[in-house]
Amino acid sequence: MARLAAFSTSLVLALALWAAWPRPGTALTNATAAPELAGENWINSKPLTITSLKGRVVLVEFWTYG
């Protein structure tokens, strides 16, 4: 009986997760715009703007020396 209860609970949790998972092609957003990128030195490109990056996947890596 305990195994059936554990299986049922797992199934319900899996279905809830599946239902809440975003579908392909849907945007994840909290309705706030990203701030403009500011920096003194750009390496391997000219300075970028948020508008030029719209619709792209962006990895931002921050470095600090100190």
PDB file of N, CA and C in Angstrom:
ATOM      1  N   MET A   1       0.817  -1.193   0.000  1.00  0.00           N
ATOM      2  CA  MET A   1       0.000   0.000   0.000  1.00  0.00           C
ATOM      3  C   MET A   1       0.867   1.265   0.000  1.00  0.00           C
ATOM      4  N   ALA A   2       1.977   1.232   0.734  1.00  0.00           N
ATOM      5  CA  ALA A   2       2.869   2.394   0.800  1.00  0.00           C
ATOM      6  C   ALA A   2       3.509   2.666  -0.557  1.00  0.00           C
ATOM      7  N   ARG A   3       3.806   1.598  -1.290  1.00  0.00           N
ATOM      8  CA  ARG A   3       4.406   1.777  -2.615  1.00  0.00           C
ATOM      9  C   ARG A   3       3.431   2.448  -3.571  1.00  0.00           C
ATOM     10  N   LEU A   4       2.154   2.076  -3.473  1.00  0.00           N
ATOM     11  CA  LEU A   4       1.125   2.677  -4.329  1.00  0.00           C
ATOM     12  C   LEU A   4       0.959   4.158  -3.996  1.00  0.00           C
ATOM     13  N   ALA A   5       0.984   4.493  -2.718  1.00  0.00           N
ATOM     14  CA  ALA A   5       0.857   5.890  -2.302  1.00  0.00           C
ATOM     15  C   ALA A   5       2.058   6.702  -2.790  1.00  0.00           C
ATOM     16  N   ALA A   6       3.242   6.135  -2.688  1.00  0.00           N
ATOM     17  CA  ALA A   6       4.440   6.835  -3.155  1.00  0.00           C
ATOM     18  C   ALA A   6       4.401   7.014  -4.669  1.00  0.00           C
ATOM     19  N   PHE A   7       3.964   5.986  -5.384  1.00  0.00           N
ATOM     20  CA  PHE A   7       3.855   6.098  -6.837  1.00  0.00           C
ATOM     21  C   PHE A   7       2.828   7.144  -7.231  1.00  0.00           C
ATOM     22  N   SER A   8       1.689   7.147  -6.559  1.00  0.00           N
ATOM     23  CA  SER A   8       0.631   8.121  -6.861  1.00  0.00           C
ATOM     24  C   SER A   8       1.114   9.544  -6.607  1.00  0.00           C
ATOM     25  N   THR A   9       1.806   9.738  -5.505  1.00  0.00           N
ATOM     26  CA  THR A   9       2.337  11.063  -5.186  1.00  0.00           C
ATOM     27  C   THR A   9       3.357  11.501  -6.236  1.00  0.00           C
ATOM     28  N   SER A  10       4.233  10.597  -6.628  1.00  0.00           N
ATOM     29  CA  SER A  10       5.234  10.911  -7.648  1.00  0.00           C
ATOM     30  C   SER A  10       4.579  11.249  -8.980  1.00  0.00           C
ATOM     31  N   LEU A  11       3.548  10.501  -9.332  1.00  0.00           N
ATOM     32  CA  LEU A  11       2.841  10.752 -10.584  1.00  0.00           C
ATOM     33  C   LEU A  11       2.160  12.112 -10.574  1.00  0.00           C
ATOM     34  N   VAL A  12       1.514  12.453  -9.487  1.00  0.00           N
ATOM     35  CA  VAL A  12       0.852  13.759  -9.373  1.00  0.00           C
ATOM     36  C   VAL A  12       1.878  14.886  -9.466  1.00  0.00           C
ATOM     37  N   LEU A  13       3.011  14.753  -8.783  1.00  0.00           N
ATOM     38  CA  LEU A  13       4.056  15.778  -8.838  1.00  0.00           C
ATOM     39  C   LEU A  13       4.641  15.902 -10.246  1.00  0.00           C
ATOM     40  N   ALA A  14       4.856  14.772 -10.911  1.00  0.00           N
ATOM     41  CA  ALA A  14       5.394  14.805 -12.271  1.00  0.00           C
ATOM     42  C   ALA A  14       4.424  15.479 -13.222  1.00  0.00           C
ATOM     43  N   LEU A  15       3.137  15.196 -13.103  1.00  0.00           N
ATOM     44  CA  LEU A  15       2.136  15.834 -13.970  1.00  0.00           C
ATOM     45  C   LEU A  15       2.029  17.328 -13.688  1.00  0.00           C
ATOM     46  N   ALA A  16       2.128  17.715 -12.423  1.00  0.00           N
ATOM     47  CA  ALA A  16       2.081  19.140 -12.084  1.00  0.00           C
ATOM     48  C   ALA A  16       3.287  19.867 -12.658  1.00  0.00           C
ATOM     49  N   LEU A  17       4.450  19.246 -12.576  1.00  0.00           N
ATOM     50  CA  LEU A  17       5.655  19.847 -13.140  1.00  0.00           C
ATOM     51  C   LEU A  17       5.543  19.956 -14.654  1.00  0.00           C
ATOM     52  N   TRP A  18       5.049  18.907 -15.283  1.00  0.00           N
ATOM     53  CA  TRP A  18       4.876  18.921 -16.738  1.00  0.00           C
ATOM     54  C   TRP A  18       3.919  20.023 -17.165  1.00  0.00           C
ATOM     55  N   ALA A  19       2.829  20.206 -16.432  1.00  0.00           N
ATOM     56  CA  ALA A  19       1.834  21.224 -16.780  1.00  0.00           C
ATOM     57  C   ALA A  19       2.392  22.636 -16.598  1.00  0.00           C
ATOM     58  N   ALA A  20       3.270  22.819 -15.610  1.00  0.00           N
ATOM     59  CA  ALA A  20       3.805  24.151 -15.328  1.00  0.00           C
ATOM     60  C   ALA A  20       5.023  24.493 -16.174  1.00  0.00           C
ATOM     61  N   TRP A  21       5.642  23.500 -16.812  1.00  0.00           N
ATOM     62  CA  TRP A  21       6.861  23.718 -17.585  1.00  0.00           C
ATOM     63  C   TRP A  21       6.555  24.558 -18.818  1.00  0.00           C
ATOM     64  N   PRO A  22       7.380  25.565 -19.138  1.00  0.00           N
ATOM     65  CA  PRO A  22       7.106  26.397 -20.308  1.00  0.00           C
ATOM     66  C   PRO A  22       7.219  25.599 -21.607  1.00  0.00           C
ATOM     67  N   ARG A  23       6.360  25.887 -22.537  1.00  0.00           N
ATOM     68  CA  ARG A  23       6.345  25.210 -23.826  1.00  0.00           C
ATOM     69  C   ARG A  23       7.389  25.823 -24.749  1.00  0.00           C
ATOM     70  N   PRO A  24       7.902  25.060 -25.714  1.00  0.00           N
ATOM     71  CA  PRO A  24       8.865  25.610 -26.668  1.00  0.00           C
ATOM     72  C   PRO A  24       8.271  26.814 -27.397  1.00  0.00           C
ATOM     73  N   GLY A  25       9.086  27.839 -27.541  1.00  0.00           N
ATOM     74  CA  GLY A  25       8.643  29.038 -28.237  1.00  0.00           C
ATOM     75  C   GLY A  25       8.004  30.080 -27.341  1.00  0.00           C
ATOM     76  N   THR A  26       7.804  29.771 -26.064  1.00  0.00           N
ATOM     77  CA  THR A  26       7.242  30.769 -25.162  1.00  0.00           C
ATOM     78  C   THR A  26       8.372  31.474 -24.438  1.00  0.00           C
ATOM     79  N   ALA A  27       8.219  32.736 -24.256  1.00  0.00           N
ATOM     80  CA  ALA A  27       9.253  33.536 -23.610  1.00  0.00           C
ATOM     81  C   ALA A  27       9.085  33.489 -22.092  1.00  0.00           C
ATOM     82  N   LEU A  28      10.197  33.415 -21.391  1.00  0.00           N
ATOM     83  CA  LEU A  28      10.183  33.540 -19.943  1.00  0.00           C
ATOM     84  C   LEU A  28      10.450  34.996 -19.617  1.00  0.00           C
ATOM     85  N   THR A  29       9.538  35.632 -18.949  1.00  0.00           N
ATOM     86  CA  THR A  29       9.701  37.050 -18.654  1.00  0.00           C
ATOM     87  C   THR A  29       9.013  37.400 -17.348  1.00  0.00           C
ATOM     88  N   ASN A  30       9.509  38.401 -16.715  1.00  0.00           N
ATOM     89  CA  ASN A  30       8.827  38.955 -15.559  1.00  0.00           C
ATOM     90  C   ASN A  30       8.366  40.373 -15.866  1.00  0.00           C
ATOM     91  N   ALA A  31       8.320  40.701 -17.146  1.00  0.00           N
ATOM     92  CA  ALA A  31       7.799  41.973 -17.654  1.00  0.00           C
ATOM     93  C   ALA A  31       8.648  43.177 -17.275  1.00  0.00           C
ATOM     94  N   THR A  32       9.924  42.972 -17.019  1.00  0.00           N
ATOM     95  CA  THR A  32      10.805  44.099 -16.778  1.00  0.00           C
ATOM     96  C   THR A  32      11.913  44.073 -17.826  1.00  0.00           C
ATOM     97  N   ALA A  33      12.261  45.235 -18.288  1.00  0.00           N
ATOM     98  CA  ALA A  33      13.315  45.335 -19.301  1.00  0.00           C
ATOM     99  C   ALA A  33      14.686  45.260 -18.639  1.00  0.00           C
ATOM    100  N   ALA A  34      15.611  44.673 -19.355  1.00  0.00           N
ATOM    101  CA  ALA A  34      16.985  44.617 -18.850  1.00  0.00           C
ATOM    102  C   ALA A  34      17.611  45.998 -18.931  1.00  0.00           C
ATOM    103  N   PRO A  35      18.475  46.336 -18.002  1.00  0.00           N
ATOM    104  CA  PRO A  35      19.154  47.638 -18.073  1.00  0.00           C
ATOM    105  C   PRO A  35      20.187  47.637 -19.193  1.00  0.00           C
ATOM    106  N   GLU A  36      20.539  48.804 -19.645  1.00  0.00           N
ATOM    107  CA  GLU A  36      21.576  48.921 -20.680  1.00  0.00           C
ATOM    108  C   GLU A  36      22.907  48.411 -20.137  1.00  0.00           C
ATOM    109  N   LEU A  37      23.695  47.835 -21.010  1.00  0.00           N
ATOM    110  CA  LEU A  37      25.014  47.351 -20.637  1.00  0.00           C
ATOM    111  C   LEU A  37      25.980  48.528 -20.620  1.00  0.00           C
ATOM    112  N   ALA A  38      26.697  48.660 -19.537  1.00  0.00           N
ATOM    113  CA  ALA A  38      27.651  49.749 -19.439  1.00  0.00           C
ATOM    114  C   ALA A  38      29.016  49.170 -19.141  1.00  0.00           C
ATOM    115  N   GLY A  39      29.997  49.683 -19.771  1.00  0.00           N
ATOM    116  CA  GLY A  39      31.341  49.215 -19.511  1.00  0.00           C
ATOM    117  C   GLY A  39      32.334  50.097 -20.230  1.00  0.00           C
ATOM    118  N   GLU A  40      33.528  50.132 -19.716  1.00  0.00           N
ATOM    119  CA  GLU A  40      34.547  50.980 -20.321  1.00  0.00           C
ATOM    120  C   GLU A  40      35.269  50.285 -21.460  1.00  0.00           C
ATOM    121  N   ASN A  41      35.591  49.021 -21.270  1.00  0.00           N
ATOM    122  CA  ASN A  41      36.376  48.291 -22.266  1.00  0.00           C
ATOM    123  C   ASN A  41      35.574  47.127 -22.824  1.00  0.00           C
ATOM    124  N   TRP A  42      35.420  47.107 -24.131  1.00  0.00           N
ATOM    125  CA  TRP A  42      34.758  45.992 -24.802  1.00  0.00           C
ATOM    126  C   TRP A  42      35.843  45.211 -25.527  1.00  0.00           C
ATOM    127  N   ILE A  43      35.849  43.899 -25.337  1.00  0.00           N
ATOM    128  CA  ILE A  43      36.858  43.054 -25.964  1.00  0.00           C
ATOM    129  C   ILE A  43      36.203  42.284 -27.107  1.00  0.00           C
ATOM    130  N   ASN A  44      36.816  42.315 -28.279  1.00  0.00           N
ATOM    131  CA  ASN A  44      36.378  41.559 -29.453  1.00  0.00           C
ATOM    132  C   ASN A  44      35.056  42.016 -30.047  1.00  0.00           C
ATOM    133  N   SER A  45      34.557  43.180 -29.693  1.00  0.00           N
ATOM    134  CA  SER A  45      33.358  43.723 -30.337  1.00  0.00           C
ATOM    135  C   SER A  45      33.247  45.197 -30.008  1.00  0.00           C
ATOM    136  N   LYS A  46      32.430  45.868 -30.782  1.00  0.00           N
ATOM    137  CA  LYS A  46      32.105  47.251 -30.424  1.00  0.00           C
ATOM    138  C   LYS A  46      31.044  47.195 -29.330  1.00  0.00           C
ATOM    139  N   PRO A  47      30.799  48.266 -28.598  1.00  0.00           N
ATOM    140  CA  PRO A  47      29.809  48.237 -27.523  1.00  0.00           C
ATOM    141  C   PRO A  47      28.428  47.805 -28.032  1.00  0.00           C
ATOM    142  N   LEU A  48      27.776  46.938 -27.267  1.00  0.00           N
ATOM    143  CA  LEU A  48      26.468  46.412 -27.626  1.00  0.00           C
ATOM    144  C   LEU A  48      25.374  47.124 -26.847  1.00  0.00           C
ATOM    145  N   THR A  49      24.177  47.120 -27.417  1.00  0.00           N
ATOM    146  CA  THR A  49      23.018  47.690 -26.727  1.00  0.00           C
ATOM    147  C   THR A  49      21.988  46.592 -26.501  1.00  0.00           C
ATOM    148  N   ILE A  50      21.110  46.817 -25.555  1.00  0.00           N
ATOM    149  CA  ILE A  50      20.042  45.858 -25.282  1.00  0.00           C
ATOM    150  C   ILE A  50      19.159  45.703 -26.515  1.00  0.00           C
ATOM    151  N   THR A  51      18.901  46.768 -27.217  1.00  0.00           N
ATOM    152  CA  THR A  51      18.043  46.691 -28.404  1.00  0.00           C
ATOM    153  C   THR A  51      18.653  45.818 -29.487  1.00  0.00           C
ATOM    154  N   SER A  52      19.962  45.874 -29.655  1.00  0.00           N
ATOM    155  CA  SER A  52      20.600  45.050 -30.687  1.00  0.00           C
ATOM    156  C   SER A  52      20.627  43.573 -30.308  1.00  0.00           C
ATOM    157  N   LEU A  53      20.435  43.261 -29.034  1.00  0.00           N
ATOM    158  CA  LEU A  53      20.458  41.881 -28.575  1.00  0.00           C
ATOM    159  C   LEU A  53      19.068  41.271 -28.418  1.00  0.00           C
ATOM    160  N   LYS A  54      18.035  42.041 -28.689  1.00  0.00           N
ATOM    161  CA  LYS A  54      16.662  41.561 -28.501  1.00  0.00           C
ATOM    162  C   LYS A  54      16.407  40.319 -29.347  1.00  0.00           C
ATOM    163  N   GLY A  55      15.836  39.302 -28.710  1.00  0.00           N
ATOM    164  CA  GLY A  55      15.512  38.067 -29.397  1.00  0.00           C
ATOM    165  C   GLY A  55      16.649  37.063 -29.457  1.00  0.00           C
ATOM    166  N   ARG A  56      17.782  37.390 -28.875  1.00  0.00           N
ATOM    167  CA  ARG A  56      18.939  36.495 -28.877  1.00  0.00           C
ATOM    168  C   ARG A  56      19.191  35.944 -27.485  1.00  0.00           C
ATOM    169  N   VAL A  57      19.822  34.795 -27.434  1.00  0.00           N
ATOM    170  CA  VAL A  57      20.265  34.244 -26.153  1.00  0.00           C
ATOM    171  C   VAL A  57      21.611  34.875 -25.850  1.00  0.00           C
ATOM    172  N   VAL A  58      21.748  35.433 -24.660  1.00  0.00           N
ATOM    173  CA  VAL A  58      22.948  36.185 -24.311  1.00  0.00           C
ATOM    174  C   VAL A  58      23.547  35.615 -23.030  1.00  0.00           C
ATOM    175  N   LEU A  59      24.841  35.349 -23.053  1.00  0.00           N
ATOM    176  CA  LEU A  59      25.579  34.962 -21.855  1.00  0.00           C
ATOM    177  C   LEU A  59      26.415  36.157 -21.448  1.00  0.00           C
ATOM    178  N   VAL A  60      26.187  36.641 -20.251  1.00  0.00           N
ATOM    179  CA  VAL A  60      26.933  37.787 -19.751  1.00  0.00           C
ATOM    180  C   VAL A  60      27.890  37.276 -18.684  1.00  0.00           C
ATOM    181  N   GLU A  61      29.168  37.511 -18.888  1.00  0.00           N
ATOM    182  CA  GLU A  61      30.182  37.071 -17.940  1.00  0.00           C
ATOM    183  C   GLU A  61      30.923  38.308 -17.435  1.00  0.00           C
ATOM    184  N   PHE A  62      30.895  38.512 -16.144  1.00  0.00           N
ATOM    185  CA  PHE A  62      31.531  39.672 -15.537  1.00  0.00           C
ATOM    186  C   PHE A  62      32.871  39.280 -14.960  1.00  0.00           C
ATOM    187  N   TRP A  63      33.857  40.111 -15.206  1.00  0.00           N
ATOM    188  CA  TRP A  63      35.192  39.896 -14.664  1.00  0.00           C
ATOM    189  C   TRP A  63      35.545  41.068 -13.781  1.00  0.00           C
ATOM    190  N   THR A  64      36.297  40.791 -12.752  1.00  0.00           N
ATOM    191  CA  THR A  64      36.784  41.860 -11.912  1.00  0.00           C
ATOM    192  C   THR A  64      38.256  41.605 -11.595  1.00  0.00           C
ATOM    193  N   TYR A  65      38.982  42.648 -11.465  1.00  0.00           N
ATOM    194  CA  TYR A  65      40.398  42.549 -11.110  1.00  0.00           C
ATOM    195  C   TYR A  65      40.586  43.285  -9.795  1.00  0.00           C
ATOM    196  N   GLY A  66      40.900  42.567  -8.772  1.00  0.00           N
ATOM    197  CA  GLY A  66      41.100  43.271  -7.525  1.00  0.00           C
ATOM    198  C   GLY A  66      41.206  42.392  -6.332  1.00  0.00           C
TER     199      GLY A  66
END
